[in-house]
Amino acid sequence: MATWLSLIIAIIFEVAGTTSLKISQGFTKGLPSLLTILCYSASFYLLAISLKKMDIGLSYALWAGVGTALVACVGVIYFGEPVSLLKILSLILIIAGVIGLNLAGGTH
């Protein structure tokens, strides 16, 4: 359970880091730049913790896939990015791939 919790928190930090990266405007704003570095550092640390007991394929797919889907949602909701049918279908495919890897087995 601690392994899954580490991964979930790692994903949250990844999303926060990517959002801060956008807000930092190319590392030209101090606080968002610092938050980007701190969030990504925490995210990688927690991802490494999850890799102790999870297969790398599943762990990274969840981290990257769920993170990508959540960042896309943040982009639409917070930054007003456009939504298209292709974008929605692509996110569904990412989620389907992560589910498929999970069903294939992913813990030691």
PDB file of N, CA and C in Angstrom:
ATOM      1  N   MET A   1       0.821  -1.200   0.000  1.00  0.00           N
ATOM      2  CA  MET A   1       0.000   0.000   0.000  1.00  0.00           C
ATOM      3  C   MET A   1       0.862   1.261   0.000  1.00  0.00           C
ATOM      4  N   ALA A   2       1.954   1.236   0.734  1.00  0.00           N
ATOM      5  CA  ALA A   2       2.852   2.389   0.771  1.00  0.00           C
ATOM      6  C   ALA A   2       3.463   2.641  -0.607  1.00  0.00           C
ATOM      7  N   THR A   3       3.669   1.568  -1.369  1.00  0.00           N
ATOM      8  CA  THR A   3       4.216   1.696  -2.716  1.00  0.00           C
ATOM      9  C   THR A   3       3.259   2.485  -3.605  1.00  0.00           C
ATOM     10  N   TRP A   4       1.987   2.116  -3.560  1.00  0.00           N
ATOM     11  CA  TRP A   4       0.976   2.813  -4.359  1.00  0.00           C
ATOM     12  C   TRP A   4       0.805   4.254  -3.894  1.00  0.00           C
ATOM     13  N   LEU A   5       0.842   4.481  -2.600  1.00  0.00           N
ATOM     14  CA  LEU A   5       0.720   5.838  -2.072  1.00  0.00           C
ATOM     15  C   LEU A   5       1.885   6.710  -2.540  1.00  0.00           C
ATOM     16  N   SER A   6       3.087   6.144  -2.523  1.00  0.00           N
ATOM     17  CA  SER A   6       4.251   6.877  -3.019  1.00  0.00           C
ATOM     18  C   SER A   6       4.071   7.272  -4.474  1.00  0.00           C
ATOM     19  N   LEU A   7       3.554   6.346  -5.275  1.00  0.00           N
ATOM     20  CA  LEU A   7       3.360   6.632  -6.690  1.00  0.00           C
ATOM     21  C   LEU A   7       2.277   7.686  -6.900  1.00  0.00           C
ATOM     22  N   ILE A   8       1.200   7.593  -6.172  1.00  0.00           N
ATOM     23  CA  ILE A   8       0.118   8.575  -6.292  1.00  0.00           C
ATOM     24  C   ILE A   8       0.617   9.972  -5.926  1.00  0.00           C
ATOM     25  N   ILE A   9       1.371  10.073  -4.852  1.00  0.00           N
ATOM     26  CA  ILE A   9       1.905  11.383  -4.442  1.00  0.00           C
ATOM     27  C   ILE A   9       2.937  11.870  -5.452  1.00  0.00           C
ATOM     28  N   ALA A  10       3.716  10.944  -6.018  1.00  0.00           N
ATOM     29  CA  ALA A  10       4.681  11.316  -7.063  1.00  0.00           C
ATOM     30  C   ALA A  10       3.964  11.927  -8.261  1.00  0.00           C
ATOM     31  N   ILE A  11       2.830  11.349  -8.636  1.00  0.00           N
ATOM     32  CA  ILE A  11       2.047  11.878  -9.759  1.00  0.00           C
ATOM     33  C   ILE A  11       1.521  13.274  -9.428  1.00  0.00           C
ATOM     34  N   ILE A  12       1.047  13.460  -8.220  1.00  0.00           N
ATOM     35  CA  ILE A  12       0.553  14.780  -7.803  1.00  0.00           C
ATOM     36  C   ILE A  12       1.670  15.820  -7.883  1.00  0.00           C
ATOM     37  N   PHE A  13       2.861  15.456  -7.413  1.00  0.00           N
ATOM     38  CA  PHE A  13       3.997  16.384  -7.496  1.00  0.00           C
ATOM     39  C   PHE A  13       4.403  16.641  -8.944  1.00  0.00           C
ATOM     40  N   GLU A  14       4.295  15.613  -9.798  1.00  0.00           N
ATOM     41  CA  GLU A  14       4.614  15.804 -11.219  1.00  0.00           C
ATOM     42  C   GLU A  14       3.666  16.834 -11.843  1.00  0.00           C
ATOM     43  N   VAL A  15       2.386  16.702 -11.559  1.00  0.00           N
ATOM     44  CA  VAL A  15       1.389  17.630 -12.097  1.00  0.00           C
ATOM     45  C   VAL A  15       1.627  19.042 -11.551  1.00  0.00           C
ATOM     46  N   ALA A  16       1.912  19.137 -10.267  1.00  0.00           N
ATOM     47  CA  ALA A  16       2.198  20.449  -9.668  1.00  0.00           C
ATOM     48  C   ALA A  16       3.467  21.050 -10.272  1.00  0.00           C
ATOM     49  N   GLY A  17       4.477  20.210 -10.510  1.00  0.00           N
ATOM     50  CA  GLY A  17       5.722  20.690 -11.105  1.00  0.00           C
ATOM     51  C   GLY A  17       5.530  21.190 -12.522  1.00  0.00           C
ATOM     52  N   THR A  18       4.762  20.459 -13.307  1.00  0.00           N
ATOM     53  CA  THR A  18       4.516  20.867 -14.682  1.00  0.00           C
ATOM     54  C   THR A  18       3.669  22.139 -14.730  1.00  0.00           C
ATOM     55  N   THR A  19       2.688  22.233 -13.853  1.00  0.00           N
ATOM     56  CA  THR A  19       1.878  23.450 -13.778  1.00  0.00           C
ATOM     57  C   THR A  19       2.744  24.640 -13.376  1.00  0.00           C
ATOM     58  N   SER A  20       3.618  24.437 -12.402  1.00  0.00           N
ATOM     59  CA  SER A  20       4.530  25.506 -11.980  1.00  0.00           C
ATOM     60  C   SER A  20       5.480  25.890 -13.102  1.00  0.00           C
ATOM     61  N   LEU A  21       5.886  24.902 -13.902  1.00  0.00           N
ATOM     62  CA  LEU A  21       6.773  25.183 -15.029  1.00  0.00           C
ATOM     63  C   LEU A  21       6.101  26.126 -16.026  1.00  0.00           C
ATOM     64  N   LYS A  22       4.827  25.881 -16.288  1.00  0.00           N
ATOM     65  CA  LYS A  22       4.071  26.767 -17.180  1.00  0.00           C
ATOM     66  C   LYS A  22       3.972  28.170 -16.584  1.00  0.00           C
ATOM     67  N   ILE A  23       3.665  28.242 -15.300  1.00  0.00           N
ATOM     68  CA  ILE A  23       3.501  29.537 -14.632  1.00  0.00           C
ATOM     69  C   ILE A  23       4.836  30.287 -14.525  1.00  0.00           C
ATOM     70  N   SER A  24       5.949  29.544 -14.490  1.00  0.00           N
ATOM     71  CA  SER A  24       7.269  30.180 -14.353  1.00  0.00           C
ATOM     72  C   SER A  24       7.678  30.979 -15.588  1.00  0.00           C
ATOM     73  N   GLN A  25       6.970  30.783 -16.690  1.00  0.00           N
ATOM     74  CA  GLN A  25       7.251  31.496 -17.939  1.00  0.00           C
ATOM     75  C   GLN A  25       8.721  31.377 -18.324  1.00  0.00           C
ATOM     76  N   GLY A  26       9.144  30.105 -18.486  1.00  0.00           N
ATOM     77  CA  GLY A  26      10.528  29.868 -18.910  1.00  0.00           C
ATOM     78  C   GLY A  26      11.544  30.171 -17.819  1.00  0.00           C
ATOM     79  N   PHE A  27      11.193  29.884 -16.598  1.00  0.00           N
ATOM     80  CA  PHE A  27      12.043  30.130 -15.429  1.00  0.00           C
ATOM     81  C   PHE A  27      12.366  31.614 -15.239  1.00  0.00           C
ATOM     82  N   THR A  28      11.453  32.485 -15.637  1.00  0.00           N
ATOM     83  CA  THR A  28      11.677  33.919 -15.436  1.00  0.00           C
ATOM     84  C   THR A  28      10.992  34.448 -14.183  1.00  0.00           C
ATOM     85  N   LYS A  29      10.139  33.630 -13.564  1.00  0.00           N
ATOM     86  CA  LYS A  29       9.482  34.013 -12.313  1.00  0.00           C
ATOM     87  C   LYS A  29      10.030  33.130 -11.199  1.00  0.00           C
ATOM     88  N   GLY A  30      10.487  33.774 -10.136  1.00  0.00           N
ATOM     89  CA  GLY A  30      11.209  33.090  -9.072  1.00  0.00           C
ATOM     90  C   GLY A  30      10.462  31.977  -8.357  1.00  0.00           C
ATOM     91  N   LEU A  31       9.342  32.297  -7.733  1.00  0.00           N
ATOM     92  CA  LEU A  31       8.628  31.315  -6.926  1.00  0.00           C
ATOM     93  C   LEU A  31       8.140  30.118  -7.750  1.00  0.00           C
ATOM     94  N   PRO A  32       7.504  30.338  -8.896  1.00  0.00           N
ATOM     95  CA  PRO A  32       7.101  29.177  -9.685  1.00  0.00           C
ATOM     96  C   PRO A  32       8.297  28.336 -10.163  1.00  0.00           C
ATOM     97  N   SER A  33       9.409  28.995 -10.433  1.00  0.00           N
ATOM     98  CA  SER A  33      10.614  28.264 -10.837  1.00  0.00           C
ATOM     99  C   SER A  33      11.111  27.364  -9.706  1.00  0.00           C
ATOM    100  N   LEU A  34      11.141  27.910  -8.508  1.00  0.00           N
ATOM    101  CA  LEU A  34      11.554  27.136  -7.341  1.00  0.00           C
ATOM    102  C   LEU A  34      10.584  25.982  -7.093  1.00  0.00           C
ATOM    103  N   LEU A  35       9.291  26.250  -7.208  1.00  0.00           N
ATOM    104  CA  LEU A  35       8.292  25.198  -7.027  1.00  0.00           C
ATOM    105  C   LEU A  35       8.452  24.089  -8.068  1.00  0.00           C
ATOM    106  N   THR A  36       8.793  24.447  -9.295  1.00  0.00           N
ATOM    107  CA  THR A  36       9.027  23.449 -10.338  1.00  0.00           C
ATOM    108  C   THR A  36      10.139  22.494  -9.914  1.00  0.00           C
ATOM    109  N   ILE A  37      11.243  23.041  -9.472  1.00  0.00           N
ATOM    110  CA  ILE A  37      12.394  22.228  -9.077  1.00  0.00           C
ATOM    111  C   ILE A  37      12.055  21.361  -7.867  1.00  0.00           C
ATOM    112  N   LEU A  38      11.402  21.939  -6.874  1.00  0.00           N
ATOM    113  CA  LEU A  38      11.047  21.188  -5.669  1.00  0.00           C
ATOM    114  C   LEU A  38      10.035  20.077  -5.974  1.00  0.00           C
ATOM    115  N   CYS A  39       9.024  20.397  -6.770  1.00  0.00           N
ATOM    116  CA  CYS A  39       7.993  19.394  -7.079  1.00  0.00           C
ATOM    117  C   CYS A  39       8.563  18.249  -7.905  1.00  0.00           C
ATOM    118  N   TYR A  40       9.363  18.568  -8.908  1.00  0.00           N
ATOM    119  CA  TYR A  40       9.957  17.483  -9.704  1.00  0.00           C
ATOM    120  C   TYR A  40      10.935  16.653  -8.874  1.00  0.00           C
ATOM    121  N   SER A  41      11.676  17.290  -7.998  1.00  0.00           N
ATOM    122  CA  SER A  41      12.586  16.535  -7.122  1.00  0.00           C
ATOM    123  C   SER A  41      11.804  15.568  -6.244  1.00  0.00           C
ATOM    124  N   ALA A  42      10.738  16.042  -5.638  1.00  0.00           N
ATOM    125  CA  ALA A  42       9.898  15.186  -4.800  1.00  0.00           C
ATOM    126  C   ALA A  42       9.261  14.076  -5.632  1.00  0.00           C
ATOM    127  N   SER A  43       8.829  14.416  -6.828  1.00  0.00           N
ATOM    128  CA  SER A  43       8.189  13.435  -7.697  1.00  0.00           C
ATOM    129  C   SER A  43       9.153  12.310  -8.073  1.00  0.00           C
ATOM    130  N   PHE A  44      10.360  12.669  -8.479  1.00  0.00           N
ATOM    131  CA  PHE A  44      11.342  11.643  -8.841  1.00  0.00           C
ATOM    132  C   PHE A  44      11.743  10.796  -7.638  1.00  0.00           C
ATOM    133  N   TYR A  45      11.873  11.424  -6.491  1.00  0.00           N
ATOM    134  CA  TYR A  45      12.206  10.665  -5.286  1.00  0.00           C
ATOM    135  C   TYR A  45      11.117   9.636  -4.982  1.00  0.00           C
ATOM    136  N   LEU A  46       9.873  10.072  -5.014  1.00  0.00           N
ATOM    137  CA  LEU A  46       8.767   9.151  -4.712  1.00  0.00           C
ATOM    138  C   LEU A  46       8.590   8.100  -5.799  1.00  0.00           C
ATOM    139  N   LEU A  47       8.854   8.464  -7.050  1.00  0.00           N
ATOM    140  CA  LEU A  47       8.834   7.471  -8.128  1.00  0.00           C
ATOM    141  C   LEU A  47       9.900   6.411  -7.873  1.00  0.00           C
ATOM    142  N   ALA A  48      11.074   6.834  -7.448  1.00  0.00           N
ATOM    143  CA  ALA A  48      12.145   5.886  -7.137  1.00  0.00           C
ATOM    144  C   ALA A  48      11.748   4.948  -6.001  1.00  0.00           C
ATOM    145  N   ILE A  49      11.045   5.473  -5.021  1.00  0.00           N
ATOM    146  CA  ILE A  49      10.556   4.641  -3.915  1.00  0.00           C
ATOM    147  C   ILE A  49       9.593   3.583  -4.451  1.00  0.00           C
ATOM    148  N   SER A  50       8.702   3.981  -5.335  1.00  0.00           N
ATOM    149  CA  SER A  50       7.733   3.018  -5.874  1.00  0.00           C
ATOM    150  C   SER A  50       8.415   1.951  -6.721  1.00  0.00           C
ATOM    151  N   LEU A  51       9.524   2.293  -7.358  1.00  0.00           N
ATOM    152  CA  LEU A  51      10.233   1.330  -8.205  1.00  0.00           C
ATOM    153  C   LEU A  51      10.897   0.206  -7.410  1.00  0.00           C
ATOM    154  N   LYS A  52      11.021   0.390  -6.104  1.00  0.00           N
ATOM    155  CA  LYS A  52      11.589  -0.676  -5.279  1.00  0.00           C
ATOM    156  C   LYS A  52      10.713  -1.917  -5.308  1.00  0.00           C
ATOM    157  N   LYS A  53       9.385  -1.733  -5.443  1.00  0.00           N
ATOM    158  CA  LYS A  53       8.471  -2.867  -5.363  1.00  0.00           C
ATOM    159  C   LYS A  53       7.549  -3.014  -6.567  1.00  0.00           C
ATOM    160  N   MET A  54       7.642  -2.109  -7.521  1.00  0.00           N
ATOM    161  CA  MET A  54       6.784  -2.193  -8.711  1.00  0.00           C
ATOM    162  C   MET A  54       7.650  -2.382  -9.944  1.00  0.00           C
ATOM    163  N   ASP A  55       7.078  -3.029 -10.951  1.00  0.00           N
ATOM    164  CA  ASP A  55       7.766  -3.133 -12.229  1.00  0.00           C
ATOM    165  C   ASP A  55       7.938  -1.748 -12.818  1.00  0.00           C
ATOM    166  N   ILE A  56       9.055  -1.523 -13.468  1.00  0.00           N
ATOM    167  CA  ILE A  56       9.346  -0.198 -14.020  1.00  0.00           C
ATOM    168  C   ILE A  56       8.336   0.193 -15.102  1.00  0.00           C
ATOM    169  N   GLY A  57       7.910  -0.778 -15.912  1.00  0.00           N
ATOM    170  CA  GLY A  57       6.957  -0.467 -16.977  1.00  0.00           C
ATOM    171  C   GLY A  57       5.646   0.062 -16.436  1.00  0.00           C
ATOM    172  N   LEU A  58       5.114  -0.600 -15.441  1.00  0.00           N
ATOM    173  CA  LEU A  58       3.846  -0.162 -14.852  1.00  0.00           C
ATOM    174  C   LEU A  58       4.016   1.149 -14.095  1.00  0.00           C
ATOM    175  N   SER A  59       5.030   1.227 -13.263  1.00  0.00           N
ATOM    176  CA  SER A  59       5.230   2.412 -12.442  1.00  0.00           C
ATOM    177  C   SER A  59       5.419   3.654 -13.309  1.00  0.00           C
ATOM    178  N   TYR A  60       6.274   3.552 -14.319  1.00  0.00           N
ATOM    179  CA  TYR A  60       6.524   4.714 -15.171  1.00  0.00           C
ATOM    180  C   TYR A  60       5.312   5.034 -16.035  1.00  0.00           C
ATOM    181  N   ALA A  61       4.615   4.002 -16.509  1.00  0.00           N
ATOM    182  CA  ALA A  61       3.414   4.243 -17.314  1.00  0.00           C
ATOM    183  C   ALA A  61       2.362   4.979 -16.504  1.00  0.00           C
ATOM    184  N   LEU A  62       2.175   4.574 -15.256  1.00  0.00           N
ATOM    185  CA  LEU A  62       1.218   5.269 -14.391  1.00  0.00           C
ATOM    186  C   LEU A  62       1.669   6.703 -14.134  1.00  0.00           C
ATOM    187  N   TRP A  63       2.934   6.864 -13.785  1.00  0.00           N
ATOM    188  CA  TRP A  63       3.473   8.191 -13.480  1.00  0.00           C
ATOM    189  C   TRP A  63       3.329   9.121 -14.675  1.00  0.00           C
ATOM    190  N   ALA A  64       3.765   8.651 -15.827  1.00  0.00           N
ATOM    191  CA  ALA A  64       3.732   9.489 -17.023  1.00  0.00           C
ATOM    192  C   ALA A  64       2.322   9.615 -17.596  1.00  0.00           C
ATOM    193  N   GLY A  65       1.604   8.497 -17.687  1.00  0.00           N
ATOM    194  CA  GLY A  65       0.289   8.503 -18.313  1.00  0.00           C
ATOM    195  C   GLY A  65      -0.757   9.259 -17.522  1.00  0.00           C
ATOM    196  N   VAL A  66      -0.857   8.934 -16.247  1.00  0.00           N
ATOM    197  CA  VAL A  66      -1.834   9.627 -15.401  1.00  0.00           C
ATOM    198  C   VAL A  66      -1.431  11.095 -15.255  1.00  0.00           C
ATOM    199  N   GLY A  67      -0.136  11.328 -15.113  1.00  0.00           N
ATOM    200  CA  GLY A  67       0.349  12.705 -15.036  1.00  0.00           C
ATOM    201  C   GLY A  67       0.006  13.497 -16.289  1.00  0.00           C
ATOM    202  N   THR A  68       0.205  12.887 -17.447  1.00  0.00           N
ATOM    203  CA  THR A  68      -0.122  13.542 -18.716  1.00  0.00           C
ATOM    204  C   THR A  68      -1.610  13.857 -18.806  1.00  0.00           C
ATOM    205  N   ALA A  69      -2.434  12.901 -18.436  1.00  0.00           N
ATOM    206  CA  ALA A  69      -3.885  13.112 -18.480  1.00  0.00           C
ATOM    207  C   ALA A  69      -4.297  14.238 -17.534  1.00  0.00           C
ATOM    208  N   LEU A  70      -3.744  14.226 -16.330  1.00  0.00           N
ATOM    209  CA  LEU A  70      -4.094  15.278 -15.365  1.00  0.00           C
ATOM    210  C   LEU A  70      -3.588  16.645 -15.802  1.00  0.00           C
ATOM    211  N   VAL A  71      -2.385  16.688 -16.367  1.00  0.00           N
ATOM    212  CA  VAL A  71      -1.848  17.969 -16.852  1.00  0.00           C
ATOM    213  C   VAL A  71      -2.707  18.500 -18.000  1.00  0.00           C
ATOM    214  N   ALA A  72      -3.177  17.610 -18.866  1.00  0.00           N
ATOM    215  CA  ALA A  72      -4.065  18.042 -19.950  1.00  0.00           C
ATOM    216  C   ALA A  72      -5.348  18.641 -19.377  1.00  0.00           C
ATOM    217  N   CYS A  73      -5.873  18.024 -18.331  1.00  0.00           N
ATOM    218  CA  CYS A  73      -7.072  18.560 -17.669  1.00  0.00           C
ATOM    219  C   CYS A  73      -6.790  19.917 -17.039  1.00  0.00           C
ATOM    220  N   VAL A  74      -5.640  20.057 -16.390  1.00  0.00           N
ATOM    221  CA  VAL A  74      -5.251  21.351 -15.806  1.00  0.00           C
ATOM    222  C   VAL A  74      -5.151  22.402 -16.907  1.00  0.00           C
ATOM    223  N   GLY A  75      -4.573  22.008 -18.048  1.00  0.00           N
ATOM    224  CA  GLY A  75      -4.448  22.939 -19.168  1.00  0.00           C
ATOM    225  C   GLY A  75      -5.793  23.457 -19.642  1.00  0.00           C
ATOM    226  N   VAL A  76      -6.754  22.560 -19.721  1.00  0.00           N
ATOM    227  CA  VAL A  76      -8.094  22.945 -20.177  1.00  0.00           C
ATOM    228  C   VAL A  76      -8.802  23.793 -19.127  1.00  0.00           C
ATOM    229  N   ILE A  77      -8.765  23.341 -17.881  1.00  0.00           N
ATOM    230  CA  ILE A  77      -9.528  24.008 -16.816  1.00  0.00           C
ATOM    231  C   ILE A  77      -8.869  25.313 -16.358  1.00  0.00           C
ATOM    232  N   TYR A  78      -7.557  25.262 -16.107  1.00  0.00           N
ATOM    233  CA  TYR A  78      -6.880  26.404 -15.497  1.00  0.00           C
ATOM    234  C   TYR A  78      -6.339  27.398 -16.528  1.00  0.00           C
ATOM    235  N   PHE A  79      -5.812  26.871 -17.659  1.00  0.00           N
ATOM    236  CA  PHE A  79      -5.186  27.735 -18.650  1.00  0.00           C
ATOM    237  C   PHE A  79      -6.081  27.995 -19.867  1.00  0.00           C
ATOM    238  N   GLY A  80      -7.286  27.425 -19.871  1.00  0.00           N
ATOM    239  CA  GLY A  80      -8.224  27.678 -20.955  1.00  0.00           C
ATOM    240  C   GLY A  80      -7.809  27.099 -22.298  1.00  0.00           C
ATOM    241  N   GLU A  81      -7.046  26.011 -22.287  1.00  0.00           N
ATOM    242  CA  GLU A  81      -6.627  25.386 -23.534  1.00  0.00           C
ATOM    243  C   GLU A  81      -7.831  24.727 -24.209  1.00  0.00           C
ATOM    244  N   PRO A  82      -7.814  24.669 -25.542  1.00  0.00           N
ATOM    245  CA  PRO A  82      -8.973  24.111 -26.254  1.00  0.00           C
ATOM    246  C   PRO A  82      -9.111  22.603 -26.057  1.00  0.00           C
ATOM    247  N   VAL A  83     -10.347  22.138 -26.124  1.00  0.00           N
ATOM    248  CA  VAL A  83     -10.650  20.710 -26.043  1.00  0.00           C
ATOM    249  C   VAL A  83     -11.123  20.266 -27.419  1.00  0.00           C
ATOM    250  N   SER A  84     -10.621  19.119 -27.861  1.00  0.00           N
ATOM    251  CA  SER A  84     -11.082  18.566 -29.130  1.00  0.00           C
ATOM    252  C   SER A  84     -11.379  17.085 -28.937  1.00  0.00           C
ATOM    253  N   LEU A  85     -12.117  16.532 -29.876  1.00  0.00           N
ATOM    254  CA  LEU A  85     -12.425  15.116 -29.824  1.00  0.00           C
ATOM    255  C   LEU A  85     -11.148  14.289 -29.891  1.00  0.00           C
ATOM    256  N   LEU A  86     -10.207  14.696 -30.715  1.00  0.00           N
ATOM    257  CA  LEU A  86      -8.938  13.965 -30.819  1.00  0.00           C
ATOM    258  C   LEU A  86      -8.177  13.992 -29.492  1.00  0.00           C
ATOM    259  N   LYS A  87      -8.202  15.123 -28.811  1.00  0.00           N
ATOM    260  CA  LYS A  87      -7.523  15.226 -27.512  1.00  0.00           C
ATOM    261  C   LYS A  87      -8.171  14.278 -26.502  1.00  0.00           C
ATOM    262  N   ILE A  88      -9.486  14.253 -26.468  1.00  0.00           N
ATOM    263  CA  ILE A  88     -10.202  13.370 -25.536  1.00  0.00           C
ATOM    264  C   ILE A  88      -9.934  11.906 -25.860  1.00  0.00           C
ATOM    265  N   LEU A  89     -10.001  11.546 -27.137  1.00  0.00           N
ATOM    266  CA  LEU A  89      -9.726  10.155 -27.529  1.00  0.00           C
ATOM    267  C   LEU A  89      -8.289   9.745 -27.207  1.00  0.00           C
ATOM    268  N   SER A  90      -7.362  10.650 -27.390  1.00  0.00           N
ATOM    269  CA  SER A  90      -5.957  10.362 -27.083  1.00  0.00           C
ATOM    270  C   SER A  90      -5.763  10.117 -25.587  1.00  0.00           C
ATOM    271  N   LEU A  91      -6.412  10.920 -24.759  1.00  0.00           N
ATOM    272  CA  LEU A  91      -6.331  10.720 -23.306  1.00  0.00           C
ATOM    273  C   LEU A  91      -6.958   9.387 -22.907  1.00  0.00           C
ATOM    274  N   ILE A  92      -8.055   9.015 -23.563  1.00  0.00           N
ATOM    275  CA  ILE A  92      -8.677   7.716 -23.289  1.00  0.00           C
ATOM    276  C   ILE A  92      -7.723   6.580 -23.653  1.00  0.00           C
ATOM    277  N   LEU A  93      -7.000   6.726 -24.754  1.00  0.00           N
ATOM    278  CA  LEU A  93      -6.034   5.701 -25.151  1.00  0.00           C
ATOM    279  C   LEU A  93      -4.883   5.584 -24.147  1.00  0.00           C
ATOM    280  N   ILE A  94      -4.442   6.714 -23.616  1.00  0.00           N
ATOM    281  CA  ILE A  94      -3.386   6.683 -22.592  1.00  0.00           C
ATOM    282  C   ILE A  94      -3.888   5.923 -21.368  1.00  0.00           C
ATOM    283  N   ILE A  95      -5.077   6.257 -20.927  1.00  0.00           N
ATOM    284  CA  ILE A  95      -5.640   5.592 -19.748  1.00  0.00           C
ATOM    285  C   ILE A  95      -5.847   4.102 -20.019  1.00  0.00           C
ATOM    286  N   ALA A  96      -6.324   3.760 -21.214  1.00  0.00           N
ATOM    287  CA  ALA A  96      -6.510   2.344 -21.568  1.00  0.00           C
ATOM    288  C   ALA A  96      -5.182   1.595 -21.550  1.00  0.00           C
ATOM    289  N   GLY A  97      -4.128   2.222 -22.020  1.00  0.00           N
ATOM    290  CA  GLY A  97      -2.811   1.593 -21.996  1.00  0.00           C
ATOM    291  C   GLY A  97      -2.312   1.343 -20.584  1.00  0.00           C
ATOM    292  N   VAL A  98      -2.518   2.300 -19.713  1.00  0.00           N
ATOM    293  CA  VAL A  98      -2.113   2.137 -18.312  1.00  0.00           C
ATOM    294  C   VAL A  98      -2.909   1.019 -17.656  1.00  0.00           C
ATOM    295  N   ILE A  99      -4.210   0.974 -17.928  1.00  0.00           N
ATOM    296  CA  ILE A  99      -5.041  -0.103 -17.376  1.00  0.00           C
ATOM    297  C   ILE A  99      -4.569  -1.452 -17.903  1.00  0.00           C
ATOM    298  N   GLY A 100      -4.253  -1.514 -19.189  1.00  0.00           N
ATOM    299  CA  GLY A 100      -3.760  -2.764 -19.780  1.00  0.00           C
ATOM    300  C   GLY A 100      -2.466  -3.225 -19.125  1.00  0.00           C
ATOM    301  N   LEU A 101      -1.545  -2.321 -18.881  1.00  0.00           N
ATOM    302  CA  LEU A 101      -0.302  -2.697 -18.191  1.00  0.00           C
ATOM    303  C   LEU A 101      -0.576  -3.180 -16.777  1.00  0.00           C
ATOM    304  N   ASN A 102      -1.509  -2.546 -16.105  1.00  0.00           N
ATOM    305  CA  ASN A 102      -1.866  -2.945 -14.750  1.00  0.00           C
ATOM    306  C   ASN A 102      -2.470  -4.338 -14.747  1.00  0.00           C
ATOM    307  N   LEU A 103      -3.348  -4.624 -15.701  1.00  0.00           N
ATOM    308  CA  LEU A 103      -3.980  -5.948 -15.779  1.00  0.00           C
ATOM    309  C   LEU A 103      -2.966  -7.039 -16.141  1.00  0.00           C
ATOM    310  N   ALA A 104      -1.908  -6.647 -16.844  1.00  0.00           N
ATOM    311  CA  ALA A 104      -0.881  -7.595 -17.225  1.00  0.00           C
ATOM    312  C   ALA A 104      -0.010  -8.006 -16.044  1.00  0.00           C
ATOM    313  N   GLY A 105      -0.155  -7.309 -14.919  1.00  0.00           N
ATOM    314  CA  GLY A 105       0.633  -7.610 -13.716  1.00  0.00           C
ATOM    315  C   GLY A 105       1.748  -6.600 -13.585  1.00  0.00           C
ATOM    316  N   GLY A 106       1.883  -6.078 -12.360  1.00  0.00           N
ATOM    317  CA  GLY A 106       2.875  -5.033 -12.224  1.00  0.00           C
ATOM    318  C   GLY A 106       3.497  -4.863 -10.866  1.00  0.00           C
ATOM    319  N   THR A 107       3.415  -5.822 -10.004  1.00  0.00           N
ATOM    320  CA  THR A 107       4.121  -5.714  -8.728  1.00  0.00           C
ATOM    321  C   THR A 107       4.988  -6.948  -8.544  1.00  0.00           C
ATOM    322  N   HIS A 108       6.016  -6.821  -7.748  1.00  0.00           N
ATOM    323  CA  HIS A 108       6.922  -7.955  -7.520  1.00  0.00           C
ATOM    324  C   HIS A 108       6.292  -8.951  -6.578  1.00  0.00           C
TER     325      HIS A 108
END
